[in-house]
Amino acid sequence: MLLAGGRPRPPAGAATVALTPAEHRIAEIAVEGATNAATARRLYLSPKTVELHLRSTYRKLNLTGRHELAAALKPPNARSSGAGIRAPRGDQPALSRSPGPVATRQPSERYSAAVVARQRAS
């Protein structure tokens, strides 16, 4: 299969490791309840790009749809009691876990001009 350009399947239990950073970021936003169009606006992508990444995520994680995504992204041994978050020690400051924007990129000038032109036309 590798000679034909395919990739070997990831080992069982390594589901989210197989996702690219873009696929993981889009999947997390989808789990929050955002539509493809809302996700696209938030990340300055086209809705088709979001759809492509979600379709690839579903294939890699062997899911049939968005409703299975939250359970698939949760680590297998995750506990709801704050697992993985350590208390600060001594002089170390606590890390902020505020839900800030996922993407900090600004849209390109060409994209901004196209959006403004479309908004003026409608």
Protein backbone atom coordinates (compact mmCIF):
# COMPACT_ATOMS: atom_id res chain seq x y z
CA MET A 1 0.00 0.00 0.00
CA LEU A 2 2.84 2.42 0.76
CA LEU A 3 4.16 2.11 -2.78
CA ALA A 4 0.76 3.16 -4.10
CA GLY A 5 0.86 6.35 -2.03
CA GLY A 6 -1.32 5.08 0.81
CA ARG A 7 -0.65 5.43 4.51
CA PRO A 8 -0.72 2.64 7.07
CA ARG A 9 -3.57 2.77 9.55
CA PRO A 10 -2.62 4.17 12.96
CA PRO A 11 -2.53 1.65 15.81
CA ALA A 12 -5.70 1.18 17.85
CA GLY A 13 -6.06 3.83 20.53
CA ALA A 14 -4.01 6.41 18.64
CA ALA A 15 -7.07 7.92 16.97
CA THR A 16 -6.50 11.65 17.41
CA VAL A 17 -2.75 11.33 16.78
CA ALA A 18 -3.61 10.57 13.15
CA LEU A 19 -5.27 13.99 12.73
CA THR A 20 -3.39 16.94 11.29
CA PRO A 21 -3.38 20.12 13.41
CA ALA A 22 -5.94 21.71 11.06
CA GLU A 23 -8.25 18.68 11.27
CA HIS A 24 -7.99 18.62 15.05
CA ARG A 25 -8.66 22.37 15.38
CA ILE A 26 -11.71 22.18 13.08
CA ALA A 27 -13.02 19.07 14.85
CA GLU A 28 -12.78 20.82 18.24
CA ILE A 29 -14.76 23.79 16.92
CA ALA A 30 -17.35 21.43 15.43
CA VAL A 31 -17.71 19.73 18.83
CA GLU A 32 -18.50 23.15 20.34
CA GLY A 33 -21.56 23.20 18.06
CA ALA A 34 -20.40 25.53 15.31
CA THR A 35 -21.67 24.95 11.79
CA ASN A 36 -19.27 24.50 8.88
CA ALA A 37 -19.99 28.07 7.76
CA ALA A 38 -19.37 29.48 11.25
CA THR A 39 -16.15 27.47 11.57
CA ALA A 40 -15.01 28.74 8.17
CA ARG A 41 -15.63 32.36 9.18
CA ARG A 42 -13.85 31.87 12.51
CA LEU A 43 -10.72 30.40 10.88
CA TYR A 44 -10.78 32.48 7.67
CA LEU A 45 -11.30 29.39 5.51
CA SER A 46 -13.85 28.45 2.90
CA PRO A 47 -16.76 26.23 4.01
CA LYS A 48 -15.58 23.61 1.51
CA THR A 49 -12.18 23.47 3.22
CA VAL A 50 -13.88 22.90 6.58
CA GLU A 51 -16.04 20.19 4.99
CA LEU A 52 -12.93 18.53 3.53
CA HIS A 53 -11.14 18.50 6.90
CA LEU A 54 -14.19 17.12 8.72
CA ARG A 55 -14.69 14.41 6.10
CA SER A 56 -11.03 13.43 6.48
CA THR A 57 -11.42 13.43 10.28
CA TYR A 58 -14.47 11.16 10.09
CA ARG A 59 -12.58 8.77 7.81
CA LYS A 60 -9.48 8.67 10.00
CA LEU A 61 -11.47 8.16 13.20
CA ASN A 62 -13.97 5.80 11.55
CA LEU A 63 -16.97 7.99 12.43
CA THR A 64 -20.28 8.37 10.65
CA GLY A 65 -20.96 11.97 11.62
CA ARG A 66 -20.55 14.99 13.85
CA HIS A 67 -22.55 13.45 16.70
CA GLU A 68 -19.73 10.92 17.34
CA LEU A 69 -16.96 13.50 17.25
CA ALA A 70 -16.94 14.60 20.91
CA ALA A 71 -16.46 11.06 22.23
CA ALA A 72 -13.75 10.35 19.66
CA LEU A 73 -11.72 13.45 20.58
CA LYS A 74 -11.83 12.75 24.31
CA PRO A 75 -8.69 10.95 25.52
CA PRO A 76 -9.44 7.33 26.48
CA ASN A 77 -8.50 7.77 30.16
CA ALA A 78 -9.81 11.31 30.61
CA ARG A 79 -11.58 12.02 33.85
CA SER A 80 -13.95 14.90 34.37
CA SER A 81 -12.14 15.91 37.59
CA GLY A 82 -9.52 18.01 35.78
CA ALA A 83 -7.22 15.23 34.65
CA GLY A 84 -4.07 16.54 33.06
CA ILE A 85 -4.20 19.95 34.73
CA ARG A 86 -1.49 20.35 37.35
CA ALA A 87 -1.52 22.85 40.16
CA PRO A 88 1.30 25.39 40.01
CA ARG A 89 4.31 24.75 42.20
CA GLY A 90 5.95 27.46 44.27
CA ASP A 91 7.06 30.29 42.01
CA GLN A 92 5.47 28.94 38.82
CA PRO A 93 2.47 30.97 37.65
CA ALA A 94 -0.78 29.16 36.93
CA LEU A 95 -1.51 28.66 33.25
CA SER A 96 -4.64 30.36 32.04
CA ARG A 97 -7.10 28.05 30.31
CA SER A 98 -9.32 30.81 28.96
CA PRO A 99 -11.16 29.95 25.75
CA GLY A 100 -9.44 32.44 23.48
CA PRO A 101 -9.67 32.52 19.70
CA VAL A 102 -8.33 29.43 17.99
CA ALA A 103 -6.85 31.25 15.04
CA THR A 104 -4.95 34.50 15.45
CA ARG A 105 -4.26 34.99 11.75
CA GLN A 106 -5.71 38.03 10.09
CA PRO A 107 -7.46 37.63 6.73
CA SER A 108 -5.47 38.70 3.74
CA GLU A 109 -6.21 42.08 2.25
CA ARG A 110 -7.56 40.48 -0.93
CA TYR A 111 -9.97 38.33 1.09
CA SER A 112 -11.12 41.33 3.11
CA ALA A 113 -11.76 43.36 -0.02
CA ALA A 114 -13.76 40.51 -1.56
CA VAL A 115 -15.88 40.17 1.58
CA VAL A 116 -16.53 43.90 1.74
CA ALA A 117 -17.48 43.97 -1.95
CA ARG A 118 -19.89 41.06 -1.46
CA GLN A 119 -21.47 42.73 1.56
CA ARG A 120 -21.95 45.98 -0.33
CA ALA A 121 -23.52 44.13 -3.27
CA SER A 122 -26.15 42.43 -1.10
